[in-house]
Protein backbone atom coordinates (compact mmCIF):
# COMPACT_ATOMS: atom_id res chain seq x y z
CA MET A 1 -21.96 0.42 -6.18
CA VAL A 2 -23.93 0.09 -2.94
CA ARG A 3 -20.80 -1.08 -1.14
CA ARG A 4 -18.89 1.99 -2.35
CA LEU A 5 -21.68 4.36 -1.29
CA ILE A 6 -21.67 2.83 2.20
CA LEU A 7 -17.89 3.14 2.39
CA ILE A 8 -17.99 6.77 1.22
CA SER A 9 -20.65 7.57 3.84
CA LEU A 10 -18.59 6.00 6.63
CA LEU A 11 -15.48 7.88 5.55
CA GLY A 12 -17.41 11.14 5.38
CA LEU A 13 -18.90 10.76 8.86
CA ALA A 14 -15.56 9.82 10.36
CA ALA A 15 -13.84 12.72 8.58
CA ALA A 16 -16.32 15.17 10.02
CA ARG A 17 -15.60 13.85 13.51
CA ALA A 18 -11.85 13.87 12.92
CA GLN A 19 -11.96 17.57 12.02
CA ASP A 20 -14.39 18.55 14.77
CA PRO A 21 -12.61 20.80 17.32
CA ALA A 22 -14.86 19.41 20.02
CA ALA A 23 -13.44 15.94 19.51
CA ALA A 24 -10.96 16.39 22.33
CA GLY A 25 -8.93 13.52 23.61
CA ARG A 26 -8.40 11.89 20.23
CA PRO A 27 -4.97 10.32 19.58
CA GLU A 28 -2.14 12.49 18.31
CA PRO A 29 -1.55 12.31 14.54
CA GLN A 30 0.62 9.31 13.78
CA PRO A 31 3.41 9.36 11.18
CA PHE A 32 2.34 8.28 7.73
CA PHE A 33 4.41 5.39 6.47
CA SER A 34 1.94 2.71 5.40
CA ARG A 35 2.11 1.65 1.78
CA VAL A 36 -1.30 0.50 0.58
CA ARG A 37 -1.06 -1.05 -2.85
CA GLY A 38 -3.56 0.32 -5.34
CA LEU A 39 -4.07 3.55 -3.36
CA PHE A 40 -0.68 4.80 -2.20
CA ASP A 41 2.10 2.80 -3.88
CA PHE A 42 5.08 4.76 -2.57
CA GLN A 43 7.76 4.16 0.05
CA LEU A 44 8.08 7.37 2.07
CA PRO A 45 11.22 7.93 4.21
CA ASP A 46 9.59 6.73 7.44
CA LEU A 47 10.03 3.58 9.52
CA ASP A 48 8.35 1.86 12.42
CA PRO A 49 10.20 1.97 15.78
CA PRO A 50 13.39 -0.17 15.70
CA GLY A 51 12.73 -3.86 16.22
CA THR A 52 9.06 -3.66 15.28
CA VAL A 53 7.74 -6.57 13.23
CA LYS A 54 4.32 -5.87 11.74
CA LEU A 55 2.11 -8.57 10.29
CA ILE A 56 0.03 -7.44 7.31
CA PHE A 57 -3.31 -8.80 6.13
CA HIS A 58 -4.89 -7.26 3.04
CA PRO A 59 -7.99 -8.95 1.53
CA HIS A 60 -9.22 -7.53 -1.80
CA VAL A 61 -12.87 -7.42 -0.77
CA SER A 62 -14.06 -6.15 -4.17
CA ASP A 63 -12.95 -9.47 -5.71
CA LEU A 64 -16.14 -10.99 -4.30
CA ILE A 65 -17.95 -9.05 -7.03
CA ARG A 66 -15.37 -8.54 -9.76
CA ARG A 67 -13.57 -11.91 -9.89
CA ASP A 68 -14.14 -15.61 -9.37
CA TYR A 69 -11.44 -15.68 -6.70
CA LEU A 70 -10.43 -13.62 -3.66
CA ARG A 71 -6.91 -12.17 -3.50
CA THR A 72 -5.35 -11.68 -0.07
CA ASP A 73 -1.91 -10.20 0.55
CA ILE A 74 -0.22 -11.63 3.65
CA GLY A 75 3.21 -10.54 4.83
CA LEU A 76 5.39 -8.80 7.36
CA ARG A 77 7.41 -5.60 7.67
CA TRP A 78 10.47 -5.59 9.95
CA ALA A 79 12.29 -2.43 11.07
CA LEU A 80 15.74 -3.79 11.89
CA ASN A 81 17.01 -0.47 13.27
CA ASP A 82 16.49 3.28 12.87
CA ASP A 83 17.54 3.23 9.21
CA PHE A 84 16.78 -0.14 7.61
CA GLU A 85 13.61 -2.12 6.87
CA LEU A 86 12.83 -5.49 5.30
CA SER A 87 9.46 -6.67 4.02
CA ALA A 88 8.04 -9.84 2.50
CA GLU A 89 4.58 -10.60 1.13
CA GLY A 90 2.71 -13.38 -0.57
CA ALA A 91 -0.34 -12.68 -2.74
CA THR A 92 -2.70 -15.60 -2.27
CA TYR A 93 -5.83 -16.45 -4.24
CA LEU A 94 -8.82 -18.55 -3.24
CA THR A 95 -11.91 -19.47 -5.26
CA HIS A 96 -14.83 -17.96 -3.32
CA GLY A 97 -17.62 -19.87 -5.07
CA LEU A 98 -19.73 -16.81 -5.88
CA GLY A 99 -18.75 -16.79 -9.55
CA GLY A 100 -19.27 -19.22 -12.35
CA ALA A 101 -15.73 -20.59 -12.60
CA SER A 102 -13.04 -22.11 -10.41
CA ALA A 103 -9.66 -20.37 -10.40
CA GLY A 104 -8.10 -22.76 -7.91
CA ASN A 105 -6.17 -21.81 -4.79
CA GLY A 106 -2.56 -20.93 -4.11
CA ILE A 107 0.09 -18.23 -3.88
CA GLY A 108 0.14 -16.22 -7.10
CA GLU A 109 2.94 -13.76 -6.42
CA LEU A 110 5.88 -13.33 -4.05
CA ARG A 111 7.27 -9.90 -3.09
CA LEU A 112 10.40 -8.80 -1.26
CA GLY A 113 11.43 -5.26 -0.35
CA THR A 114 14.04 -3.21 1.46
CA LYS A 115 14.24 0.44 2.46
CA TYR A 116 17.12 2.50 3.82
CA LEU A 117 16.80 6.00 5.30
CA PHE A 118 19.32 8.83 5.00
CA LYS A 119 18.47 10.73 8.16
CA GLN A 120 21.33 13.20 8.26
CA TRP A 121 21.54 13.96 4.54
CA LEU A 122 18.92 16.65 3.99
CA ARG A 123 18.04 17.81 7.49
CA PRO A 124 16.16 19.51 9.01
CA GLN A 125 12.98 19.65 6.89
CA HIS A 126 13.87 17.05 4.25
CA GLU A 127 14.29 13.28 4.51
CA ALA A 128 15.40 10.77 1.90
CA SER A 129 15.31 7.02 1.40
CA VAL A 130 16.24 4.42 -1.18
CA ALA A 131 14.14 1.31 -1.69
CA PHE A 132 14.31 -1.84 -3.72
CA ASP A 133 11.29 -4.03 -4.45
CA PHE A 134 11.15 -7.37 -6.22
CA SER A 135 8.05 -9.30 -7.29
CA HIS A 136 7.84 -12.74 -8.86
CA PRO A 137 4.75 -14.53 -10.24
CA ASN A 138 4.50 -17.95 -8.64
CA GLY A 139 3.04 -21.15 -10.06
CA THR A 140 0.02 -20.88 -12.33
CA PRO A 141 -2.17 -18.11 -10.91
CA PRO A 142 -5.22 -16.83 -12.79
CA PRO A 143 -4.00 -14.97 -15.92
CA ASP A 144 -5.48 -11.64 -14.80
CA MET A 145 -3.83 -11.75 -11.36
CA THR A 146 -0.29 -10.84 -12.51
CA ASP A 147 1.36 -9.61 -15.70
CA GLY A 148 3.54 -12.71 -15.93
CA HIS A 149 6.81 -10.81 -15.42
CA ASN A 150 9.38 -10.37 -12.68
CA HIS A 151 9.75 -6.75 -11.55
CA TYR A 152 12.95 -5.20 -10.17
CA GLN A 153 12.14 -1.73 -8.81
CA PRO A 154 14.84 0.53 -7.28
CA SER A 155 13.69 4.00 -6.22
CA LEU A 156 14.77 7.19 -4.46
CA THR A 157 12.27 9.28 -2.51
CA ILE A 158 12.66 12.69 -0.86
CA GLN A 159 10.00 14.19 1.38
CA ARG A 160 9.64 17.63 2.90
CA HIS A 161 7.64 18.57 5.99
CA SER A 162 6.01 21.95 5.66
CA HIS A 163 7.35 24.56 8.07
CA HIS A 164 4.07 26.50 8.01
CA ASN A 165 1.70 23.52 8.22
CA PRO A 166 2.99 20.48 10.19
CA LYS A 167 0.19 18.32 8.79
CA LEU A 168 1.41 18.72 5.21
CA THR A 169 4.18 16.61 3.70
CA THR A 170 5.23 16.80 0.07
CA PHE A 171 7.39 14.23 -1.67
CA ALA A 172 9.13 13.46 -4.95
CA SER A 173 10.28 10.08 -6.20
CA VAL A 174 12.19 8.65 -9.13
CA GLY A 175 12.31 4.94 -9.85
CA LEU A 176 12.94 2.20 -12.37
CA ASP A 177 10.80 -0.81 -13.23
CA LEU A 178 12.91 -3.51 -14.89
CA LEU A 179 11.01 -6.48 -16.34
CA THR A 180 12.04 -10.04 -17.13
CA PRO A 181 9.61 -12.75 -18.29
CA SER A 182 8.61 -15.52 -15.92
CA SER A 183 7.18 -18.99 -16.51
CA SER A 184 3.78 -17.96 -15.09
CA PRO A 185 0.86 -16.79 -17.24
CA GLY A 186 -0.20 -13.17 -17.00
CA THR A 187 -1.94 -10.20 -18.58
CA PHE A 188 -0.80 -6.58 -18.59
CA GLY A 189 -3.25 -4.06 -17.19
CA ILE A 190 -4.64 -1.05 -19.03
CA ASN A 191 -1.97 1.62 -19.56
CA GLN A 192 0.73 -0.46 -17.89
CA PRO A 193 4.25 -0.38 -19.40
CA HIS A 194 5.12 -3.57 -21.29
CA ASP A 195 8.85 -2.85 -21.16
CA ASP A 196 11.52 -1.44 -18.82
CA SER A 197 10.44 2.02 -17.68
CA THR A 198 11.41 5.08 -15.69
CA ALA A 199 8.92 6.95 -13.50
CA ILE A 200 8.94 10.36 -11.82
CA THR A 201 6.33 11.13 -9.16
CA GLY A 202 5.33 14.17 -7.15
CA GLY A 203 2.74 14.16 -4.42
CA ALA A 204 1.50 15.30 -1.03
CA VAL A 205 0.09 13.84 2.17
CA TYR A 206 -2.20 15.81 4.47
CA ASP A 207 -2.12 14.07 7.84
CA LEU A 208 -5.17 14.54 10.06
CA GLY A 209 -4.21 11.75 12.44
CA GLN A 210 -6.74 9.04 11.76
CA PHE A 211 -7.24 10.39 8.24
CA LYS A 212 -4.52 10.69 5.62
CA TRP A 213 -5.43 12.55 2.44
CA THR A 214 -3.02 11.82 -0.39
CA VAL A 215 -2.52 12.84 -4.00
CA SER A 216 0.17 11.77 -6.45
CA ALA A 217 0.96 12.48 -10.09
CA THR A 218 3.30 10.20 -12.05
CA TYR A 219 4.93 10.35 -15.45
CA ALA A 220 6.38 7.06 -16.74
CA THR A 221 8.14 6.31 -19.99
CA THR A 222 9.82 3.38 -21.70
CA ALA A 223 11.82 5.70 -23.98
CA LEU A 224 15.01 5.61 -21.88
CA LEU A 225 15.28 1.90 -21.11
CA GLY A 226 12.89 -0.05 -23.31
CA ASP A 227 12.90 -1.26 -26.89
CA ARG A 228 9.67 0.63 -27.58
CA THR A 229 8.65 4.17 -26.75
CA ASP A 230 5.47 4.70 -24.75
CA HIS A 231 4.48 7.44 -22.33
CA PHE A 232 2.09 7.21 -19.38
CA PHE A 233 0.51 9.73 -17.02
CA TYR A 234 -1.22 8.78 -13.75
CA LEU A 235 -3.17 10.88 -11.24
CA ARG A 236 -4.30 9.29 -7.96
CA PRO A 237 -6.03 11.10 -5.10
CA SER A 238 -7.04 8.95 -2.13
CA VAL A 239 -8.02 8.98 1.53
CA LEU A 240 -6.93 6.44 4.14
CA TRP A 241 -8.81 6.04 7.41
CA TYR A 242 -6.90 4.51 10.33
CA VAL A 243 -9.94 3.08 12.09
CA PRO A 244 -10.05 3.99 15.83
CA ARG A 245 -9.91 1.10 18.28
CA LYS A 246 -13.40 1.82 19.58
CA TYR A 247 -14.84 0.86 16.20
CA THR A 248 -13.00 -2.50 16.19
CA PHE A 249 -14.04 -3.69 19.66
CA ASN A 250 -10.77 -2.31 21.14
CA SER A 251 -8.76 -4.73 19.03
CA GLU A 252 -5.01 -4.13 18.95
CA THR A 253 -5.07 -4.69 15.20
CA GLN A 254 -4.80 -1.44 13.23
CA TRP A 255 -7.41 -1.52 10.47
CA ILE A 256 -6.99 0.80 7.50
CA VAL A 257 -9.87 1.56 5.12
CA GLY A 258 -9.08 3.41 1.91
CA LEU A 259 -10.88 4.94 -1.04
CA GLY A 260 -9.14 6.30 -4.11
CA VAL A 261 -9.65 7.52 -7.65
CA ARG A 262 -7.28 6.57 -10.48
CA SER A 263 -6.89 8.36 -13.79
CA ALA A 264 -4.45 7.13 -16.43
CA TRP A 265 -3.46 8.30 -19.89
CA GLY A 266 -1.34 6.15 -22.20
CA PRO A 267 -1.23 4.00 -25.35
CA ASP A 268 -4.54 2.37 -24.35
CA GLY A 269 -6.27 5.76 -24.17
CA TYR A 270 -7.84 7.29 -21.07
CA ASP A 271 -8.79 5.08 -18.15
CA PHE A 272 -10.72 6.11 -15.03
CA GLY A 273 -11.82 4.11 -12.03
CA THR A 274 -12.06 3.85 -8.26
CA ASN A 275 -10.28 1.63 -5.77
CA THR A 276 -11.27 0.55 -2.28
CA ARG A 277 -8.94 -1.16 0.16
CA VAL A 278 -9.21 -2.82 3.58
CA ARG A 279 -5.94 -3.62 5.35
CA ALA A 280 -4.96 -4.86 8.81
CA GLU A 281 -1.65 -4.41 10.62
CA ILE A 282 -0.61 -5.85 13.98
CA THR A 283 2.82 -6.16 15.57
CA PHE A 284 4.31 -9.60 16.20
CA ARG A 285 4.70 -8.71 19.89
CA GLN A 286 0.98 -8.02 20.18
CA VAL A 287 0.22 -11.39 18.62
CA MET A 288 2.55 -13.20 21.03
CA ASP A 289 1.11 -11.35 24.03
CA ARG A 290 -2.37 -12.43 22.97
CA VAL A 291 -1.23 -16.05 22.55
CA ARG A 292 0.38 -16.06 26.01
CA GLU A 293 -2.80 -14.66 27.56
CA ARG A 294 -4.86 -17.48 26.07
CA VAL A 295 -2.44 -20.36 26.53
CA LEU A 296 -0.56 -19.70 29.75
CA PRO A 297 -2.55 -19.80 33.00
CA LYS A 298 -2.77 -16.57 34.92
CA ARG A 299 -0.74 -16.51 38.11
CA GLY A 300 -2.28 -15.41 41.33
CA PRO A 301 -0.94 -12.51 43.41
């Protein structure tokens, strides 16, 4: 609880500065295209500049309190050109020693993803993309780390930039979640579909540059594809703070701090909670430049 109060205070102070008209010279608002699992789980029709390879590091800091092991997502996102993106991640787990049990160490889940943009389809104010994500439990991770199933998730997303307010973007998405059992142990979460499902989502992003305020509402059902009929409703507001370089000792790594609220209604009743996330992104070129600076001797004039 103390950690969340500190995080909320930091976000509030930074938000006040971000909206202060006197804060001249701050960076221009950057496009919102970062998917942060647990806060903003959607693939908007945006890509990094062509050729960019971003390395992703996402420790689940709250695991130090809630679990006997620390989950860390490590991966990369590669924009092959103006229209196509590939991504790959591994969800690792490591016993941190602060709990009373040992969960072991390893890679508990593998994820692959693609995204393709249709830039000329719905111009000028609309953009569309299709995405496909695949996740596979690996080995014998802790039972509460995954649900023990492979997930095949195709989706279509359309976003619209407001003509009256450039900071506002609305989006709608429809997707499938097709499940097959794996050989790894797992446990379904509260109000999570246990069968193939269809989901429809509507949401909005308010982009203040370093701050991205988001809200999404999702309806999911197994009635169309599954052998059982269950219905689910999710509401998730969140805020993501793209931490300025001056707060990270001018590091080239882009740190993202997020805070969100989740509400879910389904067969398991009503569920409410909060999520916090810390994520780091750095381009492969920046990493190589740093390596060259440290390894190769500097040449004189």
